[in-house]
Amino acid sequence: MKRMRKIIEIDENNCNGCGQCIPACAEGALKLVDGKARLVGEILCDGLGACIGDCPTGALKIIEREAEDFNEKAVEHHLGGKGHITDSHKGPAALPCGCPSSSIMTLAPKSEPKDQGDQQSVAMTSQLGHWPVKLQLLSPAAPFLRDSDMLLLADCAGVASPNLHRDLLDGRTVAIACPKLDDIHKHIQRLSEILAQATPRTLTVVHMEVPCCTGLVHAAFEALQHAGKDIPLRHIVISRTGEILAEEEVPVPKRSRASL
């Protein structure tokens, strides 16, 4: 039965597919479809709008319209995995949150070439030049951050990239974070403090190819705006199998702190 009630509305033109709204919905009423956040079903949305504050583009809002009543039993059934669609060709579907990054995948690591003759392989050495590395544990006053080339690394990218130390960490400072499961607002605040106080020369975001991971780029963009710093921003996209898919500049309009 339908009646007038509050329910979420998604502006697809403003939705960038970052997926940050999805874990904020305790009922699992949202999921990513074709790179856009979608409402799974009216009966799963309680209309309270817990997901709104996690949208970086303002694509979500609560409206009042005719909709089916919210059904707690349907939510329990949905979150319990019953009725969750699976594809026999692709294996188990994503978790109830609907994010593609939660889909179960088996990857085939590439074999390292065997040594020729009596030649011994050269062990890779760590290029990590500081500790800690978690963004929330880094102090903006840390001397190694000053005037450095800073890497903001999605933690999954560190696991996926086989040449992380050689190709990405060498000569850089690093902060790791997850744009999906961490508190992204705290990350933006801490990163803006680091950018304002340490003023690194460059900032490079390394993230996975999955849509929700692009939230780290938006976090870096917003942190630069809050810090009022004109620091070159780049991003590097890593595939699930560790290849670099893209590397490009991210345009950041100049904006003074006074204008915030």
C-alpha atoms as a PDB file:
ATOM      1  CA  MET A   1       0.000   0.000   0.000  1.00  0.00           C
ATOM      2  CA  LYS A   2       1.281   3.414  -0.951  1.00  0.00           C
ATOM      3  CA  ARG A   3       0.920   6.627   1.017  1.00  0.00           C
ATOM      4  CA  MET A   4       2.539  10.040   1.230  1.00  0.00           C
ATOM      5  CA  ARG A   5       5.771   9.755   3.234  1.00  0.00           C
ATOM      6  CA  LYS A   6       9.408  10.818   3.304  1.00  0.00           C
ATOM      7  CA  ILE A   7      11.816   8.907   1.101  1.00  0.00           C
ATOM      8  CA  ILE A   8      15.242   9.368  -0.506  1.00  0.00           C
ATOM      9  CA  GLU A   9      15.583  10.874  -3.973  1.00  0.00           C
ATOM     10  CA  ILE A  10      18.778  10.582  -6.038  1.00  0.00           C
ATOM     11  CA  ASP A  11      19.758  13.104  -8.692  1.00  0.00           C
ATOM     12  CA  GLU A  12      21.544  10.884 -11.208  1.00  0.00           C
ATOM     13  CA  ASN A  13      23.063  13.892 -12.981  1.00  0.00           C
ATOM     14  CA  ASN A  14      24.926  14.857  -9.793  1.00  0.00           C
ATOM     15  CA  CYS A  15      25.767  11.319  -8.651  1.00  0.00           C
ATOM     16  CA  ASN A  16      29.414  10.463  -9.398  1.00  0.00           C
ATOM     17  CA  GLY A  17      29.193   6.830  -8.318  1.00  0.00           C
ATOM     18  CA  CYS A  18      31.614   7.181  -5.380  1.00  0.00           C
ATOM     19  CA  GLY A  19      29.445   4.881  -3.242  1.00  0.00           C
ATOM     20  CA  GLN A  20      29.983   6.797   0.003  1.00  0.00           C
ATOM     21  CA  CYS A  21      26.234   6.881   0.679  1.00  0.00           C
ATOM     22  CA  ILE A  22      25.898   3.100   0.553  1.00  0.00           C
ATOM     23  CA  PRO A  23      27.573   2.061   3.847  1.00  0.00           C
ATOM     24  CA  ALA A  24      25.787   4.959   5.585  1.00  0.00           C
ATOM     25  CA  CYS A  25      22.418   3.289   4.905  1.00  0.00           C
ATOM     26  CA  ALA A  26      21.969   0.704   7.655  1.00  0.00           C
ATOM     27  CA  GLU A  27      19.019  -0.818   5.794  1.00  0.00           C
ATOM     28  CA  GLY A  28      20.999  -1.536   2.626  1.00  0.00           C
ATOM     29  CA  ALA A  29      18.465   0.407   0.571  1.00  0.00           C
ATOM     30  CA  LEU A  30      21.084   1.791  -1.829  1.00  0.00           C
ATOM     31  CA  LYS A  31      23.450   0.140  -4.275  1.00  0.00           C
ATOM     32  CA  LEU A  32      25.500   1.098  -7.309  1.00  0.00           C
ATOM     33  CA  VAL A  33      23.989   0.263 -10.693  1.00  0.00           C
ATOM     34  CA  ASP A  34      25.793   1.287 -13.881  1.00  0.00           C
ATOM     35  CA  GLY A  35      27.993   3.645 -11.884  1.00  0.00           C
ATOM     36  CA  LYS A  36      25.112   5.454 -10.150  1.00  0.00           C
ATOM     37  CA  ALA A  37      23.559   5.122  -6.691  1.00  0.00           C
ATOM     38  CA  ARG A  38      20.065   3.657  -6.907  1.00  0.00           C
ATOM     39  CA  LEU A  39      17.266   2.905  -4.458  1.00  0.00           C
ATOM     40  CA  VAL A  40      16.919  -0.878  -4.186  1.00  0.00           C
ATOM     41  CA  GLY A  41      13.299  -0.714  -3.060  1.00  0.00           C
ATOM     42  CA  GLU A  42      10.920   1.770  -1.475  1.00  0.00           C
ATOM     43  CA  ILE A  43      10.098  -0.576   1.405  1.00  0.00           C
ATOM     44  CA  LEU A  44      13.805  -0.590   2.436  1.00  0.00           C
ATOM     45  CA  CYS A  45      14.113   3.205   2.837  1.00  0.00           C
ATOM     46  CA  ASP A  46      13.099   4.582   6.238  1.00  0.00           C
ATOM     47  CA  GLY A  47      13.240   8.173   4.998  1.00  0.00           C
ATOM     48  CA  LEU A  48      15.525   9.370   7.813  1.00  0.00           C
ATOM     49  CA  GLY A  49      18.298  10.457   5.430  1.00  0.00           C
ATOM     50  CA  ALA A  50      21.364   9.015   7.194  1.00  0.00           C
ATOM     51  CA  CYS A  51      23.005   8.685   3.776  1.00  0.00           C
ATOM     52  CA  ILE A  52      22.728  12.355   2.811  1.00  0.00           C
ATOM     53  CA  GLY A  53      25.717  13.625   4.769  1.00  0.00           C
ATOM     54  CA  ASP A  54      28.032  11.164   3.026  1.00  0.00           C
ATOM     55  CA  CYS A  55      27.311  12.432  -0.483  1.00  0.00           C
ATOM     56  CA  PRO A  56      30.124  14.735  -1.723  1.00  0.00           C
ATOM     57  CA  THR A  57      28.064  16.115  -4.636  1.00  0.00           C
ATOM     58  CA  GLY A  58      24.718  16.749  -2.946  1.00  0.00           C
ATOM     59  CA  ALA A  59      22.950  14.231  -5.167  1.00  0.00           C
ATOM     60  CA  LEU A  60      20.769  12.913  -2.327  1.00  0.00           C
ATOM     61  CA  LYS A  61      17.834  14.570  -0.626  1.00  0.00           C
ATOM     62  CA  ILE A  62      14.738  13.579   1.315  1.00  0.00           C
ATOM     63  CA  ILE A  63      11.449  14.370  -0.383  1.00  0.00           C
ATOM     64  CA  GLU A  64       7.835  13.592   0.415  1.00  0.00           C
ATOM     65  CA  ARG A  65       5.993  11.550  -2.183  1.00  0.00           C
ATOM     66  CA  GLU A  66       3.665   8.592  -2.518  1.00  0.00           C
ATOM     67  CA  ALA A  67       5.629   5.451  -1.709  1.00  0.00           C
ATOM     68  CA  GLU A  68       5.259   1.999  -0.207  1.00  0.00           C
ATOM     69  CA  ASP A  69       5.527   1.838   3.579  1.00  0.00           C
ATOM     70  CA  PHE A  70       8.914   1.125   5.143  1.00  0.00           C
ATOM     71  CA  ASN A  71       9.067  -2.566   6.112  1.00  0.00           C
ATOM     72  CA  GLU A  72      11.517  -3.675   8.827  1.00  0.00           C
ATOM     73  CA  LYS A  73      10.948  -7.360   8.099  1.00  0.00           C
ATOM     74  CA  ALA A  74      11.812  -6.756   4.461  1.00  0.00           C
ATOM     75  CA  VAL A  75      15.030  -5.069   5.603  1.00  0.00           C
ATOM     76  CA  GLU A  76      15.958  -8.070   7.763  1.00  0.00           C
ATOM     77  CA  HIS A  77      15.252 -10.383   4.845  1.00  0.00           C
ATOM     78  CA  HIS A  78      17.316  -8.178   2.505  1.00  0.00           C
ATOM     79  CA  LEU A  79      20.319  -7.835   4.844  1.00  0.00           C
ATOM     80  CA  GLY A  80      20.229 -11.532   5.592  1.00  0.00           C
ATOM     81  CA  GLY A  81      21.072 -12.209   1.965  1.00  0.00           C
ATOM     82  CA  LYS A  82      17.753 -13.908   1.135  1.00  0.00           C
ATOM     83  CA  GLY A  83      16.647 -12.985  -2.319  1.00  0.00           C
ATOM     84  CA  HIS A  84      20.023 -11.370  -3.049  1.00  0.00           C
ATOM     85  CA  ILE A  85      20.715 -12.017  -6.718  1.00  0.00           C
ATOM     86  CA  THR A  86      23.739 -14.052  -7.693  1.00  0.00           C
ATOM     87  CA  ASP A  87      25.209 -14.753 -11.111  1.00  0.00           C
ATOM     88  CA  SER A  88      26.334 -18.341 -11.628  1.00  0.00           C
ATOM     89  CA  HIS A  89      28.905 -17.171 -14.142  1.00  0.00           C
ATOM     90  CA  LYS A  90      30.439 -14.514 -11.943  1.00  0.00           C
ATOM     91  CA  GLY A  91      30.174 -16.218  -8.563  1.00  0.00           C
ATOM     92  CA  PRO A  92      28.658 -14.637  -5.430  1.00  0.00           C
ATOM     93  CA  ALA A  93      27.258 -11.145  -5.837  1.00  0.00           C
ATOM     94  CA  ALA A  94      28.359  -8.099  -3.880  1.00  0.00           C
ATOM     95  CA  LEU A  95      27.463  -7.711  -0.229  1.00  0.00           C
ATOM     96  CA  PRO A  96      24.043  -6.140   0.543  1.00  0.00           C
ATOM     97  CA  CYS A  97      25.646  -2.683   0.352  1.00  0.00           C
ATOM     98  CA  GLY A  98      25.723  -3.159  -3.431  1.00  0.00           C
ATOM     99  CA  CYS A  99      29.221  -1.801  -3.944  1.00  0.00           C
ATOM    100  CA  PRO A 100      31.123  -3.509  -6.804  1.00  0.00           C
ATOM    101  CA  SER A 101      34.296  -3.500  -4.706  1.00  0.00           C
ATOM    102  CA  SER A 102      32.711  -6.070  -2.375  1.00  0.00           C
ATOM    103  CA  SER A 103      32.194  -8.599  -5.192  1.00  0.00           C
ATOM    104  CA  ILE A 104      34.132 -11.806  -4.637  1.00  0.00           C
ATOM    105  CA  MET A 105      36.866 -12.279  -7.232  1.00  0.00           C
ATOM    106  CA  THR A 106      39.730 -14.755  -7.580  1.00  0.00           C
ATOM    107  CA  LEU A 107      42.817 -13.244  -9.171  1.00  0.00           C
ATOM    108  CA  ALA A 108      45.700 -15.132 -10.766  1.00  0.00           C
ATOM    109  CA  PRO A 109      49.063 -13.748  -9.625  1.00  0.00           C
ATOM    110  CA  LYS A 110      51.702 -13.626 -12.347  1.00  0.00           C
ATOM    111  CA  SER A 111      54.674 -15.922 -11.871  1.00  0.00           C
ATOM    112  CA  GLU A 112      58.050 -14.284 -11.400  1.00  0.00           C
ATOM    113  CA  PRO A 113      60.629 -15.332 -14.030  1.00  0.00           C
ATOM    114  CA  LYS A 114      62.954 -18.022 -12.712  1.00  0.00           C
ATOM    115  CA  ASP A 115      66.617 -17.204 -12.187  1.00  0.00           C
ATOM    116  CA  GLN A 116      68.923 -18.069 -15.035  1.00  0.00           C
ATOM    117  CA  GLY A 117      71.918 -20.232 -14.160  1.00  0.00           C
ATOM    118  CA  ASP A 118      73.494 -19.372 -10.844  1.00  0.00           C
ATOM    119  CA  GLN A 119      72.188 -15.787 -10.800  1.00  0.00           C
ATOM    120  CA  GLN A 120      70.425 -14.952  -7.569  1.00  0.00           C
ATOM    121  CA  SER A 121      67.318 -12.792  -7.508  1.00  0.00           C
ATOM    122  CA  VAL A 122      67.716  -9.365  -5.950  1.00  0.00           C
ATOM    123  CA  ALA A 123      65.391  -8.894  -3.004  1.00  0.00           C
ATOM    124  CA  MET A 124      63.198  -5.817  -3.185  1.00  0.00           C
ATOM    125  CA  THR A 125      63.947  -3.335  -0.417  1.00  0.00           C
ATOM    126  CA  SER A 126      61.401  -1.180   1.346  1.00  0.00           C
ATOM    127  CA  GLN A 127      61.204   2.427   0.196  1.00  0.00           C
ATOM    128  CA  LEU A 128      59.067   3.481   3.152  1.00  0.00           C
ATOM    129  CA  GLY A 129      60.817   6.417   4.749  1.00  0.00           C
ATOM    130  CA  HIS A 130      58.631   7.155   7.774  1.00  0.00           C
ATOM    131  CA  TRP A 131      56.122   5.880  10.300  1.00  0.00           C
ATOM    132  CA  PRO A 132      53.219   6.049  10.972  1.00  0.00           C
ATOM    133  CA  VAL A 133      51.480   5.753   7.628  1.00  0.00           C
ATOM    134  CA  LYS A 134      47.785   5.826   8.605  1.00  0.00           C
ATOM    135  CA  LEU A 135      46.374   9.245   7.749  1.00  0.00           C
ATOM    136  CA  GLN A 136      44.683   9.708  11.122  1.00  0.00           C
ATOM    137  CA  LEU A 137      47.952   8.941  12.944  1.00  0.00           C
ATOM    138  CA  LEU A 138      50.047  11.427  10.981  1.00  0.00           C
ATOM    139  CA  SER A 139      50.839  14.710  12.694  1.00  0.00           C
ATOM    140  CA  PRO A 140      50.654  17.825  10.500  1.00  0.00           C
ATOM    141  CA  ALA A 141      53.845  18.926  12.288  1.00  0.00           C
ATOM    142  CA  ALA A 142      55.830  15.822  11.280  1.00  0.00           C
ATOM    143  CA  PRO A 143      59.083  17.115   9.747  1.00  0.00           C
ATOM    144  CA  PHE A 144      59.155  14.488   6.987  1.00  0.00           C
ATOM    145  CA  LEU A 145      55.888  15.837   5.546  1.00  0.00           C
ATOM    146  CA  ARG A 146      57.232  19.340   4.954  1.00  0.00           C
ATOM    147  CA  ASP A 147      57.809  20.158   1.305  1.00  0.00           C
ATOM    148  CA  SER A 148      57.512  16.467   0.400  1.00  0.00           C
ATOM    149  CA  ASP A 149      55.947  14.670  -2.538  1.00  0.00           C
ATOM    150  CA  MET A 150      52.969  13.146  -0.758  1.00  0.00           C
ATOM    151  CA  LEU A 151      51.116   9.982  -1.693  1.00  0.00           C
ATOM    152  CA  LEU A 152      47.539   9.479  -0.470  1.00  0.00           C
ATOM    153  CA  LEU A 153      47.125   5.733  -0.905  1.00  0.00           C
ATOM    154  CA  ALA A 154      43.913   3.718  -0.762  1.00  0.00           C
ATOM    155  CA  ASP A 155      44.841   0.773   1.436  1.00  0.00           C
ATOM    156  CA  CYS A 156      43.566  -1.827  -1.064  1.00  0.00           C
ATOM    157  CA  ALA A 157      45.845  -0.340  -3.726  1.00  0.00           C
ATOM    158  CA  GLY A 158      48.840  -1.110  -1.540  1.00  0.00           C
ATOM    159  CA  VAL A 159      47.906  -4.780  -1.570  1.00  0.00           C
ATOM    160  CA  ALA A 160      47.044  -4.928  -5.293  1.00  0.00           C
ATOM    161  CA  SER A 161      50.166  -3.186  -6.623  1.00  0.00           C
ATOM    162  CA  PRO A 162      53.140  -5.593  -6.875  1.00  0.00           C
ATOM    163  CA  ASN A 163      55.635  -2.785  -7.477  1.00  0.00           C
ATOM    164  CA  LEU A 164      54.331  -0.335  -4.898  1.00  0.00           C
ATOM    165  CA  HIS A 165      57.690   0.393  -3.256  1.00  0.00           C
ATOM    166  CA  ARG A 166      59.678   0.617  -6.490  1.00  0.00           C
ATOM    167  CA  ASP A 167      57.218   2.618  -8.595  1.00  0.00           C
ATOM    168  CA  LEU A 168      55.187   4.660  -6.107  1.00  0.00           C
ATOM    169  CA  LEU A 169      56.795   4.963  -2.660  1.00  0.00           C
ATOM    170  CA  ASP A 170      60.348   5.769  -3.712  1.00  0.00           C
ATOM    171  CA  GLY A 171      61.076   9.369  -2.684  1.00  0.00           C
ATOM    172  CA  ARG A 172      57.554  10.028  -1.413  1.00  0.00           C
ATOM    173  CA  THR A 173      55.842  10.362   1.931  1.00  0.00           C
ATOM    174  CA  VAL A 174      52.664   8.308   2.278  1.00  0.00           C
ATOM    175  CA  ALA A 175      49.330   8.357   4.067  1.00  0.00           C
ATOM    176  CA  ILE A 176      46.940   5.421   3.730  1.00  0.00           C
ATOM    177  CA  ALA A 177      43.170   5.510   4.128  1.00  0.00           C
ATOM    178  CA  CYS A 178      39.948   3.884   2.945  1.00  0.00           C
ATOM    179  CA  PRO A 179      37.307   6.207   1.445  1.00  0.00           C
ATOM    180  CA  LYS A 180      34.527   3.661   1.916  1.00  0.00           C
ATOM    181  CA  LEU A 181      34.867   2.172   5.405  1.00  0.00           C
ATOM    182  CA  ASP A 182      36.686   4.988   7.235  1.00  0.00           C
ATOM    183  CA  ASP A 183      35.193   8.294   8.387  1.00  0.00           C
ATOM    184  CA  ILE A 184      35.848  10.302   5.222  1.00  0.00           C
ATOM    185  CA  HIS A 185      35.019  13.608   6.930  1.00  0.00           C
ATOM    186  CA  LYS A 186      37.763  13.055   9.513  1.00  0.00           C
ATOM    187  CA  HIS A 187      40.152  12.182   6.692  1.00  0.00           C
ATOM    188  CA  ILE A 188      39.345  15.421   4.891  1.00  0.00           C
ATOM    189  CA  GLN A 189      39.919  17.415   8.085  1.00  0.00           C
ATOM    190  CA  ARG A 190      43.259  15.740   8.887  1.00  0.00           C
ATOM    191  CA  LEU A 191      44.498  15.979   5.303  1.00  0.00           C
ATOM    192  CA  SER A 192      43.587  19.667   5.104  1.00  0.00           C
ATOM    193  CA  GLU A 193      45.559  20.274   8.320  1.00  0.00           C
ATOM    194  CA  ILE A 194      48.572  18.494   6.843  1.00  0.00           C
ATOM    195  CA  LEU A 195      48.329  20.404   3.570  1.00  0.00           C
ATOM    196  CA  ALA A 196      47.987  23.734   5.369  1.00  0.00           C
ATOM    197  CA  GLN A 197      50.857  23.179   7.810  1.00  0.00           C
ATOM    198  CA  ALA A 198      53.327  20.949   5.949  1.00  0.00           C
ATOM    199  CA  THR A 199      52.643  22.303   2.435  1.00  0.00           C
ATOM    200  CA  PRO A 200      53.877  19.324   0.412  1.00  0.00           C
ATOM    201  CA  ARG A 201      55.157  20.043  -3.092  1.00  0.00           C
ATOM    202  CA  THR A 202      52.751  17.615  -4.730  1.00  0.00           C
ATOM    203  CA  LEU A 203      49.851  15.366  -3.771  1.00  0.00           C
ATOM    204  CA  THR A 204      49.169  12.125  -5.643  1.00  0.00           C
ATOM    205  CA  VAL A 205      46.115   9.973  -4.897  1.00  0.00           C
ATOM    206  CA  VAL A 206      46.466   6.268  -5.662  1.00  0.00           C
ATOM    207  CA  HIS A 207      43.172   4.390  -5.692  1.00  0.00           C
ATOM    208  CA  MET A 208      41.569   1.229  -7.018  1.00  0.00           C
ATOM    209  CA  GLU A 209      39.469   1.058 -10.176  1.00  0.00           C
ATOM    210  CA  VAL A 210      36.242   0.373  -8.236  1.00  0.00           C
ATOM    211  CA  PRO A 211      33.812   3.341  -8.081  1.00  0.00           C
ATOM    212  CA  CYS A 212      33.733   3.759  -4.297  1.00  0.00           C
ATOM    213  CA  CYS A 213      37.517   4.195  -4.196  1.00  0.00           C
ATOM    214  CA  THR A 214      37.319   7.419  -6.224  1.00  0.00           C
ATOM    215  CA  GLY A 215      36.000   9.002  -3.038  1.00  0.00           C
ATOM    216  CA  LEU A 216      39.642   9.440  -2.033  1.00  0.00           C
ATOM    217  CA  VAL A 217      40.162  11.821  -4.962  1.00  0.00           C
ATOM    218  CA  HIS A 218      37.155  13.882  -3.878  1.00  0.00           C
ATOM    219  CA  ALA A 219      38.489  13.922  -0.313  1.00  0.00           C
ATOM    220  CA  ALA A 220      41.862  15.226  -1.518  1.00  0.00           C
ATOM    221  CA  PHE A 221      40.157  17.846  -3.661  1.00  0.00           C
ATOM    222  CA  GLU A 222      38.044  19.066  -0.737  1.00  0.00           C
ATOM    223  CA  ALA A 223      41.031  19.061   1.629  1.00  0.00           C
ATOM    224  CA  LEU A 224      42.981  21.266  -0.774  1.00  0.00           C
ATOM    225  CA  GLN A 225      40.057  23.660  -0.910  1.00  0.00           C
ATOM    226  CA  HIS A 226      39.838  23.846   2.880  1.00  0.00           C
ATOM    227  CA  ALA A 227      43.597  24.295   3.221  1.00  0.00           C
ATOM    228  CA  GLY A 228      43.585  27.117   0.669  1.00  0.00           C
ATOM    229  CA  LYS A 229      46.741  25.713  -0.921  1.00  0.00           C
ATOM    230  CA  ASP A 230      47.703  25.648  -4.581  1.00  0.00           C
ATOM    231  CA  ILE A 231      49.322  22.197  -4.655  1.00  0.00           C
ATOM    232  CA  PRO A 232      49.424  20.080  -7.830  1.00  0.00           C
ATOM    233  CA  LEU A 233      47.036  17.122  -7.528  1.00  0.00           C
ATOM    234  CA  ARG A 234      47.339  13.905  -9.538  1.00  0.00           C
ATOM    235  CA  HIS A 235      45.630  10.556  -9.323  1.00  0.00           C
ATOM    236  CA  ILE A 236      46.720   7.065 -10.306  1.00  0.00           C
ATOM    237  CA  VAL A 237      44.214   4.268 -10.885  1.00  0.00           C
ATOM    238  CA  ILE A 238      45.232   0.698 -10.019  1.00  0.00           C
ATOM    239  CA  SER A 239      43.441  -2.374 -11.399  1.00  0.00           C
ATOM    240  CA  ARG A 240      42.511  -5.381  -9.291  1.00  0.00           C
ATOM    241  CA  THR A 241      45.442  -7.213 -10.868  1.00  0.00           C
ATOM    242  CA  GLY A 242      47.908  -4.437 -10.041  1.00  0.00           C
ATOM    243  CA  GLU A 243      48.333  -2.630 -13.354  1.00  0.00           C
ATOM    244  CA  ILE A 244      48.304   1.168 -13.561  1.00  0.00           C
ATOM    245  CA  LEU A 245      45.219   1.989 -15.643  1.00  0.00           C
ATOM    246  CA  ALA A 246      45.460   5.777 -15.644  1.00  0.00           C
ATOM    247  CA  GLU A 247      47.615   8.599 -14.334  1.00  0.00           C
ATOM    248  CA  GLU A 248      46.546  12.188 -14.784  1.00  0.00           C
ATOM    249  CA  GLU A 249      46.326  15.663 -13.308  1.00  0.00           C
ATOM    250  CA  VAL A 250      43.234  16.667 -11.336  1.00  0.00           C
ATOM    251  CA  PRO A 251      42.381  20.348 -11.915  1.00  0.00           C
ATOM    252  CA  VAL A 252      41.875  22.190  -8.632  1.00  0.00           C
ATOM    253  CA  PRO A 253      40.566  25.782  -8.866  1.00  0.00           C
ATOM    254  CA  LYS A 254      42.485  28.233  -6.724  1.00  0.00           C
ATOM    255  CA  ARG A 255      40.550  29.184  -3.630  1.00  0.00           C
ATOM    256  CA  SER A 256      41.693  31.134  -0.629  1.00  0.00           C
ATOM    257  CA  ARG A 257      40.995  29.995   2.913  1.00  0.00           C
ATOM    258  CA  ALA A 258      39.241  33.301   3.548  1.00  0.00           C
ATOM    259  CA  SER A 259      36.580  32.392   0.982  1.00  0.00           C
ATOM    260  CA  LEU A 260      35.565  29.247   2.887  1.00  0.00           C
END
